[in-house]
Amino acid sequence: MKLTEIYLAQLEREAPLSLRVLQRVPEGKPDWKPHQKSMPLGYLAALVATMPGWIAMTITQDSLDLNPVGGSSFQRPEWKTTKDLERLLEQSVSQAREALKGASDEHLMTTWRLLVAGRVVDESPRHVVISDTFSHVGHHRGQLTVYLRLNEVPVPMVYGPTADQKF
């Protein structure tokens, strides 16, 4: 089995799990956070929705500079409704799906770099970055379920039942 096939299958398994959580995000609370050092709810929800797109970026770009000289042109996606979050997720999953379908395993073995202000802070094969992206999405999706619980929103099943949703 090819790496691209493994990652496509994982993408198709993980996307519905993220969708379940994003569909529960309360509207009208984008600035809510459980602690002053925590991410705001709106930022975290948009992050979970758009992270699958990082897979496409890893395949189509050779690097990413988080603080490029001259500033970043990145625009954080805006959302107001859960439907907006659903659209962001579908767009990012679609980008990842198409990039994976067009990639070869040989390309996934090539190096990808993460930079900050022009300095390399990580250099790994693309397939490692993609694998780490899936773990990173799971981490932030888990954070989001805690935010749901603290806002009295029923937590959906992700990998198994919750106190709010049984099999």
Protein backbone atom coordinates (compact mmCIF):
# COMPACT_ATOMS: atom_id res chain seq x y z
CA MET A 1 0.00 0.00 0.00
CA LYS A 2 1.23 3.48 -0.85
CA LEU A 3 1.74 6.23 1.73
CA THR A 4 -0.68 8.43 -0.17
CA GLU A 5 -3.37 5.74 0.12
CA ILE A 6 -2.75 5.39 3.87
CA TYR A 7 -3.01 9.16 4.38
CA LEU A 8 -6.10 9.45 2.19
CA ALA A 9 -7.79 6.72 4.26
CA GLN A 10 -6.79 8.45 7.48
CA LEU A 11 -8.11 11.76 6.17
CA GLU A 12 -11.46 10.15 5.34
CA ARG A 13 -11.65 8.64 8.86
CA GLU A 14 -10.63 11.81 10.72
CA ALA A 15 -12.65 14.43 8.82
CA PRO A 16 -16.07 13.23 10.08
CA LEU A 17 -14.73 13.22 13.65
CA SER A 18 -13.69 16.85 13.34
CA LEU A 19 -17.04 17.65 11.74
CA ARG A 20 -18.93 16.17 14.71
CA VAL A 21 -17.04 18.41 17.11
CA LEU A 22 -17.23 21.54 14.94
CA GLN A 23 -21.00 21.14 14.56
CA ARG A 24 -21.30 21.59 18.34
CA VAL A 25 -19.25 24.80 18.58
CA PRO A 26 -21.48 27.47 20.09
CA GLU A 27 -22.02 30.52 17.91
CA GLY A 28 -21.54 34.01 19.28
CA LYS A 29 -18.66 33.14 21.62
CA PRO A 30 -15.55 33.56 19.45
CA ASP A 31 -13.59 35.33 22.19
CA TRP A 32 -14.46 32.90 25.00
CA LYS A 33 -11.52 31.06 26.54
CA PRO A 34 -11.15 28.96 29.69
CA HIS A 35 -8.01 30.76 30.86
CA GLN A 36 -6.20 33.96 29.99
CA LYS A 37 -3.35 31.94 28.40
CA SER A 38 -5.74 29.78 26.33
CA MET A 39 -6.68 30.26 22.69
CA PRO A 40 -10.04 31.91 22.07
CA LEU A 41 -12.81 29.51 21.07
CA GLY A 42 -13.22 31.07 17.63
CA TYR A 43 -9.53 30.75 16.84
CA LEU A 44 -9.39 27.14 18.05
CA ALA A 45 -12.48 26.13 16.06
CA ALA A 46 -11.09 27.71 12.87
CA LEU A 47 -7.77 25.98 13.50
CA VAL A 48 -9.41 22.54 13.74
CA ALA A 49 -11.44 23.28 10.61
CA THR A 50 -8.46 24.38 8.52
CA MET A 51 -5.63 22.12 9.70
CA PRO A 52 -6.26 19.39 7.10
CA GLY A 53 -5.20 22.03 4.57
CA TRP A 54 -1.73 21.88 6.08
CA ILE A 55 -1.37 18.52 4.34
CA ALA A 56 -1.81 20.21 0.97
CA MET A 57 0.65 22.93 1.95
CA THR A 58 3.20 20.31 2.97
CA ILE A 59 2.87 18.62 -0.41
CA THR A 60 2.78 21.73 -2.62
CA GLN A 61 5.25 24.03 -0.82
CA ASP A 62 8.84 23.30 0.16
CA SER A 63 8.65 25.32 3.37
CA LEU A 64 6.65 27.65 5.57
CA ASP A 65 8.05 30.68 7.37
CA LEU A 66 5.93 31.52 10.42
CA ASN A 67 7.44 34.99 10.69
CA PRO A 68 8.73 35.98 7.25
CA VAL A 69 10.82 39.08 6.74
CA GLY A 70 8.42 41.82 5.70
CA GLY A 71 5.49 40.25 7.54
CA SER A 72 2.98 37.56 6.72
CA SER A 73 0.21 37.76 4.15
CA PHE A 74 -1.75 35.02 5.96
CA GLN A 75 -5.36 35.93 6.69
CA ARG A 76 -6.96 34.00 9.54
CA PRO A 77 -10.27 32.58 8.26
CA GLU A 78 -13.34 34.25 9.68
CA TRP A 79 -16.47 32.37 10.68
CA LYS A 80 -19.75 33.30 12.32
CA THR A 81 -21.84 30.13 12.09
CA THR A 82 -21.25 26.43 12.45
CA LYS A 83 -22.11 26.18 8.75
CA ASP A 84 -19.10 28.44 8.10
CA LEU A 85 -16.93 26.03 10.11
CA GLU A 86 -18.33 23.09 8.14
CA ARG A 87 -17.42 24.86 4.87
CA LEU A 88 -13.90 25.63 6.13
CA LEU A 89 -13.41 21.98 7.06
CA GLU A 90 -14.73 20.72 3.73
CA GLN A 91 -12.47 23.12 1.82
CA SER A 92 -9.38 22.10 3.77
CA VAL A 93 -10.18 18.38 3.50
CA SER A 94 -10.75 18.80 -0.24
CA GLN A 95 -7.39 20.56 -0.63
CA ALA A 96 -5.65 17.76 1.30
CA ARG A 97 -7.46 15.06 -0.67
CA GLU A 98 -6.51 16.57 -4.04
CA ALA A 99 -2.89 17.15 -3.02
CA LEU A 100 -2.56 13.56 -1.78
CA LYS A 101 -4.13 12.16 -4.96
CA GLY A 102 -1.59 14.10 -7.03
CA ALA A 103 1.46 13.22 -4.92
CA SER A 104 3.84 10.32 -5.24
CA ASP A 105 5.37 8.44 -2.35
CA GLU A 106 8.75 9.55 -3.66
CA HIS A 107 7.71 13.17 -3.24
CA LEU A 108 6.51 12.46 0.31
CA MET A 109 10.04 11.28 1.10
CA THR A 110 11.53 14.67 0.18
CA THR A 111 12.38 17.31 2.77
CA TRP A 112 10.03 20.00 4.01
CA ARG A 113 11.16 22.89 6.21
CA LEU A 114 9.53 25.01 8.90
CA LEU A 115 11.18 28.39 9.35
CA VAL A 116 10.86 31.33 11.70
CA ALA A 117 12.26 34.63 10.39
CA GLY A 118 14.27 32.73 7.78
CA ARG A 119 15.82 30.29 10.26
CA VAL A 120 15.09 26.58 9.89
CA VAL A 121 13.48 25.27 13.09
CA ASP A 122 12.41 21.90 11.71
CA GLU A 123 13.41 19.87 8.69
CA SER A 124 11.66 16.57 8.09
CA PRO A 125 10.45 14.34 5.28
CA ARG A 126 7.02 15.43 4.09
CA HIS A 127 5.44 12.15 5.16
CA VAL A 128 6.56 12.80 8.76
CA VAL A 129 5.05 16.30 8.66
CA ILE A 130 1.77 14.87 7.32
CA SER A 131 1.68 12.20 10.03
CA ASP A 132 2.38 14.86 12.67
CA THR A 133 -0.42 17.01 11.23
CA PHE A 134 -2.97 14.27 11.92
CA SER A 135 -1.74 14.06 15.53
CA HIS A 136 -1.81 17.84 15.82
CA VAL A 137 -5.42 17.97 14.58
CA GLY A 138 -6.39 15.33 17.15
CA HIS A 139 -4.75 17.34 19.90
CA HIS A 140 -6.61 20.55 19.06
CA ARG A 141 -9.88 18.69 18.46
CA GLY A 142 -9.50 17.29 21.98
CA GLN A 143 -8.95 20.80 23.33
CA LEU A 144 -12.10 21.88 21.54
CA THR A 145 -14.13 19.14 23.26
CA VAL A 146 -13.00 20.53 26.62
CA TYR A 147 -14.16 23.99 25.54
CA LEU A 148 -17.52 22.45 24.63
CA ARG A 149 -17.82 20.79 28.05
CA LEU A 150 -16.97 24.05 29.84
CA ASN A 151 -19.70 25.80 27.82
CA GLU A 152 -22.29 23.16 28.80
CA VAL A 153 -22.42 21.85 25.22
CA PRO A 154 -22.88 18.07 24.88
CA VAL A 155 -19.62 16.46 23.77
CA PRO A 156 -20.02 14.15 20.75
CA MET A 157 -18.38 10.77 20.31
CA VAL A 158 -15.00 11.02 18.67
CA TYR A 159 -13.16 7.72 19.19
CA GLY A 160 -15.74 6.35 21.57
CA PRO A 161 -18.68 7.29 23.76
CA THR A 162 -18.77 10.38 25.96
CA ALA A 163 -20.83 11.22 29.04
CA ASP A 164 -23.23 12.91 26.60
CA GLN A 165 -23.33 10.47 23.72
CA LYS A 166 -23.35 6.70 24.03
CA PHE A 167 -23.02 4.10 21.29
